[in-house]
Amino acid sequence: DAIDFSDNEIRKLDGFPLLRRLKTLLMNNNRICRIGENLEQALPSLTELILTNNNIAELGELDPLSTIKTLTYLSVLRNPVTNKKHYRLYVIHKVPQVRVLDFQKVKLKERQEAEKMFKGKRGAQLAKDIARRTKTFNPGAGLPTDKKKAGPSPGDVEAIKTAIANATTLAEVERLKGLLQAGQIPGRERKSGPSEDAEEEMEEEAAPNGS
């Protein structure tokens, strides 16, 4: 099952009743800046979590997701936290069950890099330092430049947002997953659709006039 809570004013991902069948949770376009603890108790089957375009600013705020062992698809695009140094490797280390992060498949090389970076006592201390430093980091420093250097292009982001916004049914979500696994940007495959539909409509309108 899927639930769409996108385009609201939600500030914290928390307070869910027991939803055993819920697999996909769409939370894009909110104001989420915190994630509650023990979400796996209320959402024991959650496999896909879309947090695109929220206000998560600290790497440490993503730590509670580590307890959701069923989580395999995660999007945190267009959150300030994605501009943090070692963001992607940190998430791969903290939430190793995720296989697709920000619509990009987690590669074996990335897992190896994350394991090497956070291995042993030094690695554990580095992880703590990274999470702690984000609390004193100035969220406004260098964000526009960083966004231009990494991640999808503005057009790709809009395509992803469109696909997420339309994924209100389980069938749509499954279609979206198929596109992601194929390495395609959701929404791209639809570009030819409107023009074809328009041609069909024109033909249908022309038929009555000719008779």
Foldseek 3Di string as FASTA:
>chain_A
DEDEPDPDADAEADDAAADAPYAYYHHEHYAHQAYDAPVCRRHVRHAEYEHAQYAHQFLVRCLRLQVNLNHAHYEHHNYLNVLAPCSVLLCCLRNVNHQAYNLRGDDPVSNVVSCVCLPDPNSVVVSVVRRVVSVVDDSVPPPVVSVVVDDDDPVLVVQQVVLSVPPRDPVSVVVVVVCSVVVHRHNPVCPVVVVVVVVVVVVVVVVVVVD
